[in-house]
Amino acid sequence: MDDYSSLREQIGRDLDTLHRTENPKSIFEIADDYLLGNPNLKRALVEDIIKEEADKRGIAIH
């Protein structure tokens, strides 16, 4: 596992919840939520994790 496994797990859970309760959000909106909570994160890293987790789950994000 990588150093961001807990972030990856949280993003996966959040994507599952969003998929069940809302229309897909943009990747930028989702990333902003994480970056506001932890400004030390890099946007590109968060967006990559979001894309990977969404792809694993077959969730369309834009």
N, C-alpha and C. Protein backbone atom coordinates (compact mmCIF):
# COMPACT_ATOMS: atom_id res chain seq x y z
N MET A 1 0.84 -1.19 0.00
CA MET A 1 0.00 0.00 0.00
C MET A 1 0.88 1.25 0.00
N ASP A 2 0.32 2.29 -0.57
CA ASP A 2 1.09 3.52 -0.61
C ASP A 2 0.87 4.34 0.66
N ASP A 3 1.56 5.45 0.75
CA ASP A 3 1.46 6.32 1.93
C ASP A 3 0.10 7.00 2.04
N TYR A 4 -0.65 6.93 0.98
CA TYR A 4 -1.94 7.62 0.95
C TYR A 4 -3.11 6.64 1.03
N SER A 5 -2.89 5.47 1.62
CA SER A 5 -3.94 4.44 1.65
C SER A 5 -5.17 4.91 2.42
N SER A 6 -5.00 5.64 3.52
CA SER A 6 -6.18 6.11 4.26
C SER A 6 -6.93 7.17 3.46
N LEU A 7 -6.22 8.03 2.75
CA LEU A 7 -6.87 9.01 1.88
C LEU A 7 -7.61 8.29 0.76
N ARG A 8 -6.99 7.30 0.18
CA ARG A 8 -7.59 6.51 -0.90
C ARG A 8 -8.87 5.83 -0.41
N GLU A 9 -8.84 5.26 0.80
CA GLU A 9 -10.02 4.61 1.36
C GLU A 9 -11.13 5.62 1.60
N GLN A 10 -10.79 6.79 2.13
CA GLN A 10 -11.79 7.83 2.39
C GLN A 10 -12.41 8.32 1.10
N ILE A 11 -11.59 8.54 0.09
CA ILE A 11 -12.11 8.98 -1.21
C ILE A 11 -13.05 7.92 -1.77
N GLY A 12 -12.66 6.65 -1.67
CA GLY A 12 -13.52 5.57 -2.16
C GLY A 12 -14.87 5.56 -1.46
N ARG A 13 -14.85 5.69 -0.14
CA ARG A 13 -16.12 5.72 0.61
C ARG A 13 -16.97 6.93 0.21
N ASP A 14 -16.31 8.08 0.06
CA ASP A 14 -17.05 9.29 -0.32
C ASP A 14 -17.64 9.16 -1.72
N LEU A 15 -16.89 8.57 -2.63
CA LEU A 15 -17.41 8.37 -3.99
C LEU A 15 -18.61 7.42 -3.97
N ASP A 16 -18.53 6.37 -3.18
CA ASP A 16 -19.67 5.45 -3.06
C ASP A 16 -20.90 6.19 -2.55
N THR A 17 -20.71 7.02 -1.53
CA THR A 17 -21.83 7.79 -0.97
C THR A 17 -22.38 8.78 -1.99
N LEU A 18 -21.52 9.51 -2.66
CA LEU A 18 -21.96 10.47 -3.67
C LEU A 18 -22.72 9.77 -4.79
N HIS A 19 -22.23 8.62 -5.18
CA HIS A 19 -22.84 7.88 -6.29
C HIS A 19 -24.27 7.46 -5.92
N ARG A 20 -24.50 7.12 -4.66
CA ARG A 20 -25.83 6.69 -4.22
C ARG A 20 -26.77 7.86 -3.97
N THR A 21 -26.24 9.02 -3.61
CA THR A 21 -27.10 10.10 -3.14
C THR A 21 -27.20 11.30 -4.08
N GLU A 22 -26.24 11.48 -4.97
CA GLU A 22 -26.22 12.68 -5.81
C GLU A 22 -25.80 12.32 -7.23
N ASN A 23 -26.00 13.28 -8.10
CA ASN A 23 -25.42 13.15 -9.43
C ASN A 23 -23.90 13.29 -9.29
N PRO A 24 -23.17 12.68 -10.20
CA PRO A 24 -21.71 12.82 -10.10
C PRO A 24 -21.28 14.28 -10.11
N LYS A 25 -20.33 14.59 -9.25
CA LYS A 25 -19.77 15.93 -9.18
C LYS A 25 -18.54 15.98 -10.08
N SER A 26 -18.05 17.17 -10.28
CA SER A 26 -16.82 17.28 -11.05
C SER A 26 -15.64 16.88 -10.18
N ILE A 27 -14.62 16.41 -10.81
CA ILE A 27 -13.41 15.99 -10.09
C ILE A 27 -12.82 17.18 -9.33
N PHE A 28 -12.99 18.37 -9.86
CA PHE A 28 -12.45 19.56 -9.21
C PHE A 28 -13.18 19.87 -7.91
N GLU A 29 -14.51 19.70 -7.92
CA GLU A 29 -15.29 19.92 -6.69
C GLU A 29 -14.91 18.92 -5.61
N ILE A 30 -14.76 17.67 -6.01
CA ILE A 30 -14.40 16.64 -5.04
C ILE A 30 -13.01 16.91 -4.48
N ALA A 31 -12.06 17.22 -5.37
CA ALA A 31 -10.69 17.50 -4.94
C ALA A 31 -10.64 18.71 -4.01
N ASP A 32 -11.42 19.74 -4.32
CA ASP A 32 -11.44 20.94 -3.48
C ASP A 32 -11.80 20.61 -2.04
N ASP A 33 -12.76 19.69 -1.86
CA ASP A 33 -13.17 19.30 -0.51
C ASP A 33 -11.98 18.74 0.28
N TYR A 34 -11.17 17.93 -0.36
CA TYR A 34 -10.01 17.34 0.33
C TYR A 34 -8.89 18.35 0.54
N LEU A 35 -8.70 19.23 -0.44
CA LEU A 35 -7.64 20.22 -0.33
C LEU A 35 -7.95 21.27 0.74
N LEU A 36 -9.22 21.59 0.91
CA LEU A 36 -9.59 22.52 1.98
C LEU A 36 -9.35 21.89 3.35
N GLY A 37 -9.57 20.59 3.44
CA GLY A 37 -9.38 19.89 4.71
C GLY A 37 -7.91 19.65 5.03
N ASN A 38 -7.08 19.57 4.00
CA ASN A 38 -5.65 19.32 4.21
C ASN A 38 -4.86 20.06 3.13
N PRO A 39 -4.47 21.30 3.39
CA PRO A 39 -3.77 22.10 2.37
C PRO A 39 -2.39 21.56 2.00
N ASN A 40 -1.88 20.59 2.74
CA ASN A 40 -0.58 20.01 2.41
C ASN A 40 -0.65 19.02 1.25
N LEU A 41 -1.86 18.60 0.90
CA LEU A 41 -2.02 17.66 -0.21
C LEU A 41 -1.80 18.38 -1.54
N LYS A 42 -1.34 17.66 -2.52
CA LYS A 42 -1.15 18.21 -3.86
C LYS A 42 -2.38 17.89 -4.69
N ARG A 43 -2.88 18.90 -5.42
CA ARG A 43 -4.09 18.73 -6.22
C ARG A 43 -3.96 17.56 -7.20
N ALA A 44 -2.86 17.46 -7.90
CA ALA A 44 -2.70 16.41 -8.91
C ALA A 44 -2.80 15.02 -8.27
N LEU A 45 -2.23 14.86 -7.09
CA LEU A 45 -2.29 13.58 -6.39
C LEU A 45 -3.73 13.24 -6.02
N VAL A 46 -4.43 14.20 -5.44
CA VAL A 46 -5.82 13.97 -5.04
C VAL A 46 -6.68 13.65 -6.26
N GLU A 47 -6.51 14.39 -7.35
CA GLU A 47 -7.29 14.13 -8.56
C GLU A 47 -6.98 12.75 -9.13
N ASP A 48 -5.72 12.33 -9.11
CA ASP A 48 -5.36 11.00 -9.60
C ASP A 48 -6.03 9.91 -8.78
N ILE A 49 -6.02 10.07 -7.47
CA ILE A 49 -6.66 9.08 -6.60
C ILE A 49 -8.16 9.04 -6.86
N ILE A 50 -8.78 10.20 -7.00
CA ILE A 50 -10.22 10.25 -7.29
C ILE A 50 -10.52 9.52 -8.59
N LYS A 51 -9.73 9.79 -9.63
CA LYS A 51 -9.94 9.12 -10.93
C LYS A 51 -9.81 7.61 -10.79
N GLU A 52 -8.75 7.16 -10.12
CA GLU A 52 -8.52 5.73 -9.95
C GLU A 52 -9.65 5.06 -9.19
N GLU A 53 -10.08 5.67 -8.10
CA GLU A 53 -11.14 5.08 -7.28
C GLU A 53 -12.48 5.11 -8.02
N ALA A 54 -12.75 6.16 -8.76
CA ALA A 54 -13.99 6.23 -9.54
C ALA A 54 -13.98 5.16 -10.64
N ASP A 55 -12.84 4.99 -11.31
CA ASP A 55 -12.73 3.97 -12.35
C ASP A 55 -12.95 2.57 -11.78
N LYS A 56 -12.38 2.29 -10.62
CA LYS A 56 -12.56 0.99 -9.98
C LYS A 56 -14.03 0.69 -9.72
N ARG A 57 -14.78 1.75 -9.42
CA ARG A 57 -16.20 1.59 -9.04
C ARG A 57 -17.15 1.81 -10.22
N GLY A 58 -16.61 2.18 -11.36
CA GLY A 58 -17.46 2.46 -12.52
C GLY A 58 -18.32 3.69 -12.33
N ILE A 59 -17.79 4.67 -11.60
CA ILE A 59 -18.53 5.90 -11.33
C ILE A 59 -18.04 6.97 -12.30
N ALA A 60 -19.00 7.55 -13.01
CA ALA A 60 -18.65 8.61 -13.97
C ALA A 60 -18.49 9.93 -13.24
N ILE A 61 -17.33 10.52 -13.38
CA ILE A 61 -17.11 11.88 -12.87
C ILE A 61 -16.58 12.71 -14.02
N HIS A 62 -16.77 13.99 -13.94
CA HIS A 62 -16.33 14.85 -15.05
C HIS A 62 -15.41 15.93 -14.55
